[in-house]
PDB file of N, CA and C in Angstrom:
ATOM      1  N   MET A   1     125.330  76.507 178.669  1.00  0.00           N
ATOM      2  CA  MET A   1     125.341  77.767 179.706  1.00  0.00           C
ATOM      3  C   MET A   1     124.517  78.886 179.397  1.00  0.00           C
ATOM      4  N   LYS A   2     123.150  79.059 180.086  1.00  0.00           N
ATOM      5  CA  LYS A   2     122.503  80.294 179.488  1.00  0.00           C
ATOM      6  C   LYS A   2     122.362  81.032 180.555  1.00  0.00           C
ATOM      7  N   CYS A   3     122.438  82.742 180.375  1.00  0.00           N
ATOM      8  CA  CYS A   3     122.293  83.915 180.948  1.00  0.00           C
ATOM      9  C   CYS A   3     121.099  83.848 182.306  1.00  0.00           C
ATOM     10  N   TYR A   4     120.943  83.648 183.041  1.00  0.00           N
ATOM     11  CA  TYR A   4     120.195  83.536 183.839  1.00  0.00           C
ATOM     12  C   TYR A   4     118.973  84.485 184.019  1.00  0.00           C
ATOM     13  N   ILE A   5     119.403  85.579 183.271  1.00  0.00           N
ATOM     14  CA  ILE A   5     118.262  87.049 183.360  1.00  0.00           C
ATOM     15  C   ILE A   5     117.704  86.555 181.743  1.00  0.00           C
ATOM     16  N   CYS A   6     118.556  86.814 181.052  1.00  0.00           N
ATOM     17  CA  CYS A   6     118.011  87.199 179.244  1.00  0.00           C
ATOM     18  C   CYS A   6     117.966  85.427 178.338  1.00  0.00           C
ATOM     19  N   ASP A   7     118.910  84.598 178.931  1.00  0.00           N
ATOM     20  CA  ASP A   7     119.023  83.144 178.639  1.00  0.00           C
ATOM     21  C   ASP A   7     119.364  83.303 177.069  1.00  0.00           C
ATOM     22  N   ASN A   8     120.335  84.179 177.276  1.00  0.00           N
ATOM     23  CA  ASN A   8     120.973  83.811 175.856  1.00  0.00           C
ATOM     24  C   ASN A   8     121.973  82.930 176.502  1.00  0.00           C
ATOM     25  N   GLY A   9     122.911  82.185 175.302  1.00  0.00           N
ATOM     26  CA  GLY A   9     123.314  81.019 175.598  1.00  0.00           C
ATOM     27  C   GLY A   9     125.148  81.503 175.435  1.00  0.00           C
ATOM     28  N   ILE A  10     125.839  81.114 176.962  1.00  0.00           N
ATOM     29  CA  ILE A  10     127.385  81.826 176.836  1.00  0.00           C
ATOM     30  C   ILE A  10     127.995  80.382 177.369  1.00  0.00           C
ATOM     31  N   LYS A  11     129.301  80.723 176.512  1.00  0.00           N
ATOM     32  CA  LYS A  11     129.974  79.865 177.021  1.00  0.00           C
ATOM     33  C   LYS A  11     130.638  79.881 178.459  1.00  0.00           C
ATOM     34  N   LYS A  12     130.928  78.394 179.229  1.00  0.00           N
ATOM     35  CA  LYS A  12     131.511  78.842 180.749  1.00  0.00           C
ATOM     36  C   LYS A  12     132.602  79.326 180.500  1.00  0.00           C
ATOM     37  N   SER A  13     133.777  79.950 179.748  1.00  0.00           N
ATOM     38  CA  SER A  13     134.648  80.172 179.678  1.00  0.00           C
ATOM     39  C   SER A  13     134.481  81.729 180.134  1.00  0.00           C
ATOM     40  N   GLN A  14     133.596  82.615 179.179  1.00  0.00           N
ATOM     41  CA  GLN A  14     132.892  83.866 179.118  1.00  0.00           C
ATOM     42  C   GLN A  14     132.274  83.959 179.991  1.00  0.00           C
ATOM     43  N   ALA A  15     131.121  82.833 181.046  1.00  0.00           N
ATOM     44  CA  ALA A  15     130.300  83.292 182.274  1.00  0.00           C
ATOM     45  C   ALA A  15     130.745  84.257 183.172  1.00  0.00           C
ATOM     46  N   TYR A  16     129.593  85.236 183.870  1.00  0.00           N
ATOM     47  CA  TYR A  16     129.953  86.033 185.057  1.00  0.00           C
ATOM     48  C   TYR A  16     129.055  85.590 185.887  1.00  0.00           C
ATOM     49  N   PHE A  17     129.291  85.524 187.081  1.00  0.00           N
ATOM     50  CA  PHE A  17     128.572  85.189 188.384  1.00  0.00           C
ATOM     51  C   PHE A  17     128.295  85.873 188.983  1.00  0.00           C
ATOM     52  N   GLY A  18     127.060  85.998 189.486  1.00  0.00           N
ATOM     53  CA  GLY A  18     126.344  87.604 190.429  1.00  0.00           C
ATOM     54  C   GLY A  18     127.291  87.457 191.773  1.00  0.00           C
ATOM     55  N   ASP A  19     127.905  88.457 192.295  1.00  0.00           N
ATOM     56  CA  ASP A  19     128.846  88.856 193.395  1.00  0.00           C
ATOM     57  C   ASP A  19     128.359  88.362 194.762  1.00  0.00           C
ATOM     58  N   ILE A  20     128.872  87.824 195.625  1.00  0.00           N
ATOM     59  CA  ILE A  20     128.536  87.676 197.135  1.00  0.00           C
ATOM     60  C   ILE A  20     128.146  88.780 197.373  1.00  0.00           C
ATOM     61  N   GLY A  21     125.997  88.835 197.915  1.00  0.00           N
ATOM     62  CA  GLY A  21     125.765  89.181 198.742  1.00  0.00           C
ATOM     63  C   GLY A  21     125.191  90.429 197.794  1.00  0.00           C
ATOM     64  N   THR A  22     124.585  89.869 196.882  1.00  0.00           N
ATOM     65  CA  THR A  22     123.726  90.396 195.708  1.00  0.00           C
ATOM     66  C   THR A  22     122.325  89.060 195.451  1.00  0.00           C
ATOM     67  N   PRO A  23     121.382  90.006 195.065  1.00  0.00           N
ATOM     68  CA  PRO A  23     119.767  88.674 194.882  1.00  0.00           C
ATOM     69  C   PRO A  23     120.292  87.446 194.086  1.00  0.00           C
ATOM     70  N   LEU A  24     121.392  87.966 192.818  1.00  0.00           N
ATOM     71  CA  LEU A  24     121.733  86.826 191.924  1.00  0.00           C
ATOM     72  C   LEU A  24     122.907  86.224 192.390  1.00  0.00           C
ATOM     73  N   GLU A  25     123.485  85.818 193.035  1.00  0.00           N
ATOM     74  CA  GLU A  25     124.588  85.502 193.704  1.00  0.00           C
ATOM     75  C   GLU A  25     124.727  84.122 193.581  1.00  0.00           C
ATOM     76  N   GLY A  26     125.968  83.921 192.718  1.00  0.00           N
ATOM     77  CA  GLY A  26     126.248  82.708 192.113  1.00  0.00           C
ATOM     78  C   GLY A  26     125.626  82.113 190.504  1.00  0.00           C
ATOM     79  N   ARG A  27     124.906  83.238 190.489  1.00  0.00           N
ATOM     80  CA  ARG A  27     123.664  82.974 188.672  1.00  0.00           C
ATOM     81  C   ARG A  27     125.264  83.048 187.474  1.00  0.00           C
ATOM     82  N   PRO A  28     124.799  82.437 186.696  1.00  0.00           N
ATOM     83  CA  PRO A  28     125.415  82.353 185.605  1.00  0.00           C
ATOM     84  C   PRO A  28     124.997  83.778 184.968  1.00  0.00           C
ATOM     85  N   LEU A  29     125.949  84.246 184.816  1.00  0.00           N
ATOM     86  CA  LEU A  29     125.610  86.014 184.051  1.00  0.00           C
ATOM     87  C   LEU A  29     126.359  85.805 182.446  1.00  0.00           C
ATOM     88  N   CYS A  30     125.441  86.482 180.934  1.00  0.00           N
ATOM     89  CA  CYS A  30     126.432  86.888 180.403  1.00  0.00           C
ATOM     90  C   CYS A  30     126.933  88.268 180.815  1.00  0.00           C
ATOM     91  N   GLU A  31     128.137  88.804 180.043  1.00  0.00           N
ATOM     92  CA  GLU A  31     128.482  90.237 180.632  1.00  0.00           C
ATOM     93  C   GLU A  31     127.612  91.054 180.280  1.00  0.00           C
ATOM     94  N   TYR A  32     127.176  91.447 179.336  1.00  0.00           N
ATOM     95  CA  TYR A  32     126.408  92.458 179.476  1.00  0.00           C
ATOM     96  C   TYR A  32     124.789  92.629 180.390  1.00  0.00           C
ATOM     97  N   CYS A  33     124.486  91.621 181.333  1.00  0.00           N
ATOM     98  CA  CYS A  33     123.550  91.514 182.374  1.00  0.00           C
ATOM     99  C   CYS A  33     124.607  91.828 183.303  1.00  0.00           C
ATOM    100  N   TYR A  34     125.777  91.132 183.650  1.00  0.00           N
ATOM    101  CA  TYR A  34     126.212  91.144 184.922  1.00  0.00           C
ATOM    102  C   TYR A  34     126.584  93.094 185.039  1.00  0.00           C
ATOM    103  N   TYR A  35     127.116  93.652 183.879  1.00  0.00           N
ATOM    104  CA  TYR A  35     127.554  94.832 183.942  1.00  0.00           C
ATOM    105  C   TYR A  35     126.286  96.100 183.626  1.00  0.00           C
ATOM    106  N   ASP A  36     125.479  95.669 183.019  1.00  0.00           N
ATOM    107  CA  ASP A  36     124.043  96.648 183.096  1.00  0.00           C
ATOM    108  C   ASP A  36     122.602  96.838 183.881  1.00  0.00           C
ATOM    109  N   ALA A  37     123.054  95.752 185.257  1.00  0.00           N
ATOM    110  CA  ALA A  37     122.237  95.821 185.883  1.00  0.00           C
ATOM    111  C   ALA A  37     122.352  97.235 186.862  1.00  0.00           C
ATOM    112  N   GLU A  38     120.855  97.299 187.047  1.00  0.00           N
ATOM    113  CA  GLU A  38     120.686  99.033 187.724  1.00  0.00           C
ATOM    114  C   GLU A  38     120.697  99.202 189.212  1.00  0.00           C
ATOM    115  N   THR A  39     121.599 100.108 189.735  1.00  0.00           N
ATOM    116  CA  THR A  39     122.435 100.105 190.886  1.00  0.00           C
ATOM    117  C   THR A  39     121.026 100.091 191.880  1.00  0.00           C
ATOM    118  N   CYS A  40     121.583  99.410 192.618  1.00  0.00           N
ATOM    119  CA  CYS A  40     120.494  98.903 193.989  1.00  0.00           C
ATOM    120  C   CYS A  40     120.800 100.476 195.427  1.00  0.00           C
ATOM    121  N   ALA A  41     121.810 100.746 195.277  1.00  0.00           N
ATOM    122  CA  ALA A  41     122.922 101.241 197.018  1.00  0.00           C
ATOM    123  C   ALA A  41     124.032 101.727 196.331  1.00  0.00           C
ATOM    124  N   ILE A  42     124.210 102.518 197.415  1.00  0.00           N
ATOM    125  CA  ILE A  42     125.453 103.398 196.765  1.00  0.00           C
ATOM    126  C   ILE A  42     126.378 103.688 198.242  1.00  0.00           C
ATOM    127  N   VAL A  43     127.524 102.347 198.800  1.00  0.00           N
ATOM    128  CA  VAL A  43     128.014 102.998 199.760  1.00  0.00           C
ATOM    129  C   VAL A  43     129.571 103.489 199.874  1.00  0.00           C
ATOM    130  N   TYR A  44     129.652 104.414 200.983  1.00  0.00           N
ATOM    131  CA  TYR A  44     130.684 105.133 201.557  1.00  0.00           C
ATOM    132  C   TYR A  44     131.269 104.605 202.582  1.00  0.00           C
ATOM    133  N   TYR A  45     132.591 104.384 202.532  1.00  0.00           N
ATOM    134  CA  TYR A  45     133.256 103.585 203.471  1.00  0.00           C
ATOM    135  C   TYR A  45     133.982 104.675 204.392  1.00  0.00           C
ATOM    136  N   GLY A  46     133.380 105.018 205.715  1.00  0.00           N
ATOM    137  CA  GLY A  46     133.960 106.093 206.297  1.00  0.00           C
ATOM    138  C   GLY A  46     134.551 107.596 205.984  1.00  0.00           C
ATOM    139  N   ARG A  47     135.909 107.761 205.811  1.00  0.00           N
ATOM    140  CA  ARG A  47     135.847 109.005 205.294  1.00  0.00           C
ATOM    141  C   ARG A  47     136.267 108.860 203.539  1.00  0.00           C
ATOM    142  N   ASN A  48     136.265 107.706 203.250  1.00  0.00           N
ATOM    143  CA  ASN A  48     136.710 107.575 201.436  1.00  0.00           C
ATOM    144  C   ASN A  48     135.793 108.297 200.784  1.00  0.00           C
ATOM    145  N   GLU A  49     135.725 109.090 199.673  1.00  0.00           N
ATOM    146  CA  GLU A  49     134.754 109.587 199.085  1.00  0.00           C
ATOM    147  C   GLU A  49     134.293 109.027 197.455  1.00  0.00           C
ATOM    148  N   THR A  50     135.649 107.020 197.965  1.00  0.00           N
ATOM    149  CA  THR A  50     134.624 106.500 196.851  1.00  0.00           C
ATOM    150  C   THR A  50     133.505 105.871 197.045  1.00  0.00           C
ATOM    151  N   PRO A  51     132.480 106.219 195.557  1.00  0.00           N
ATOM    152  CA  PRO A  51     131.435 105.378 195.866  1.00  0.00           C
ATOM    153  C   PRO A  51     131.594 103.901 195.573  1.00  0.00           C
ATOM    154  N   TYR A  52     130.933 102.910 196.260  1.00  0.00           N
ATOM    155  CA  TYR A  52     130.759 101.697 196.302  1.00  0.00           C
ATOM    156  C   TYR A  52     129.962 101.291 195.967  1.00  0.00           C
ATOM    157  N   LEU A  53     129.208 100.599 194.270  1.00  0.00           N
ATOM    158  CA  LEU A  53     128.265  99.874 193.547  1.00  0.00           C
ATOM    159  C   LEU A  53     128.022  98.783 194.228  1.00  0.00           C
ATOM    160  N   ILE A  54     126.110  98.520 194.390  1.00  0.00           N
ATOM    161  CA  ILE A  54     125.628  97.365 194.804  1.00  0.00           C
ATOM    162  C   ILE A  54     124.437  97.252 193.599  1.00  0.00           C
ATOM    163  N   SER A  55     124.399  96.333 192.733  1.00  0.00           N
ATOM    164  CA  SER A  55     123.182  96.325 191.910  1.00  0.00           C
ATOM    165  C   SER A  55     122.913  94.368 192.634  1.00  0.00           C
ATOM    166  N   GLU A  56     122.195  94.238 191.256  1.00  0.00           N
ATOM    167  CA  GLU A  56     121.707  92.856 191.733  1.00  0.00           C
ATOM    168  C   GLU A  56     122.452  91.931 190.967  1.00  0.00           C
ATOM    169  N   THR A  57     123.401  92.258 190.512  1.00  0.00           N
ATOM    170  CA  THR A  57     124.363  91.354 189.785  1.00  0.00           C
ATOM    171  C   THR A  57     125.884  91.549 190.761  1.00  0.00           C
ATOM    172  N   ARG A  58     126.348  93.132 190.614  1.00  0.00           N
ATOM    173  CA  ARG A  58     127.648  93.548 191.354  1.00  0.00           C
ATOM    174  C   ARG A  58     127.717  93.239 192.494  1.00  0.00           C
ATOM    175  N   ASN A  59     128.531  93.512 193.369  1.00  0.00           N
ATOM    176  CA  ASN A  59     128.831  93.616 194.820  1.00  0.00           C
ATOM    177  C   ASN A  59     130.464  94.389 195.022  1.00  0.00           C
ATOM    178  N   GLU A  60     130.355  95.994 194.689  1.00  0.00           N
ATOM    179  CA  GLU A  60     131.749  96.298 194.598  1.00  0.00           C
ATOM    180  C   GLU A  60     132.694  96.494 196.347  1.00  0.00           C
ATOM    181  N   THR A  61     131.713  96.037 197.575  1.00  0.00           N
ATOM    182  CA  THR A  61     132.106  96.261 198.726  1.00  0.00           C
ATOM    183  C   THR A  61     132.890  94.622 199.423  1.00  0.00           C
ATOM    184  N   GLU A  62     132.801  93.720 197.910  1.00  0.00           N
ATOM    185  CA  GLU A  62     133.227  92.284 198.455  1.00  0.00           C
ATOM    186  C   GLU A  62     132.420  91.928 199.596  1.00  0.00           C
ATOM    187  N   GLY A  63     131.169  91.799 199.340  1.00  0.00           N
ATOM    188  CA  GLY A  63     130.225  91.464 200.623  1.00  0.00           C
ATOM    189  C   GLY A  63     130.345  91.750 201.896  1.00  0.00           C
ATOM    190  N   ASN A  64     130.942  92.713 202.026  1.00  0.00           N
ATOM    191  CA  ASN A  64     130.660  93.595 203.391  1.00  0.00           C
ATOM    192  C   ASN A  64     129.498  94.169 203.396  1.00  0.00           C
ATOM    193  N   PHE A  65     128.767  94.396 202.915  1.00  0.00           N
ATOM    194  CA  PHE A  65     127.688  95.121 202.362  1.00  0.00           C
ATOM    195  C   PHE A  65     126.739  94.202 201.446  1.00  0.00           C
ATOM    196  N   SER A  66     125.521  94.168 201.637  1.00  0.00           N
ATOM    197  CA  SER A  66     124.736  93.700 201.041  1.00  0.00           C
ATOM    198  C   SER A  66     122.908  93.946 200.650  1.00  0.00           C
ATOM    199  N   VAL A  67     122.261  93.568 199.499  1.00  0.00           N
ATOM    200  CA  VAL A  67     121.209  94.440 199.776  1.00  0.00           C
ATOM    201  C   VAL A  67     119.814  93.159 199.575  1.00  0.00           C
ATOM    202  N   LYS A  68     118.610  93.862 199.665  1.00  0.00           N
ATOM    203  CA  LYS A  68     117.533  92.777 199.808  1.00  0.00           C
ATOM    204  C   LYS A  68     116.905  93.437 199.530  1.00  0.00           C
ATOM    205  N   TRP A  69     115.899  92.835 198.710  1.00  0.00           N
ATOM    206  CA  TRP A  69     114.814  93.338 198.181  1.00  0.00           C
ATOM    207  C   TRP A  69     113.257  93.202 199.056  1.00  0.00           C
ATOM    208  N   ARG A  70     112.787  94.642 199.877  1.00  0.00           N
ATOM    209  CA  ARG A  70     111.862  94.804 200.685  1.00  0.00           C
ATOM    210  C   ARG A  70     110.651  95.256 200.135  1.00  0.00           C
ATOM    211  N   ARG A  71     109.324  94.104 199.920  1.00  0.00           N
ATOM    212  CA  ARG A  71     108.500  95.626 199.476  1.00  0.00           C
ATOM    213  C   ARG A  71     107.831  95.832 200.743  1.00  0.00           C
ATOM    214  N   ILE A  72     107.829  97.255 200.344  1.00  0.00           N
ATOM    215  CA  ILE A  72     107.227  98.788 200.660  1.00  0.00           C
ATOM    216  C   ILE A  72     105.312  99.173 200.490  1.00  0.00           C
ATOM    217  N   ASP A  73     104.943  98.503 199.918  1.00  0.00           N
ATOM    218  CA  ASP A  73     103.590  99.103 199.398  1.00  0.00           C
ATOM    219  C   ASP A  73     102.976  97.961 200.143  1.00  0.00           C
ATOM    220  N   PRO A  74     101.610  98.299 200.790  1.00  0.00           N
ATOM    221  CA  PRO A  74     100.611  97.762 201.380  1.00  0.00           C
ATOM    222  C   PRO A  74     100.027  96.219 201.036  1.00  0.00           C
TER     223      PRO A  74
END
């Protein structure tokens, strides 16, 4: 199996998969690419001061929020 981002070989037992609500949802990833992706959004629930991060690979909101890339230049 290969990492979707860097094409490095990974064992099936060591593969990570993109979280629900991310652009790489369900794609096989190596540990480095899974944890090192740049943050796209930070979500705060109500009065809870804990930040929940969403990146291209991880979604700490467990799918309650998602991100979608949108082109903003003309």
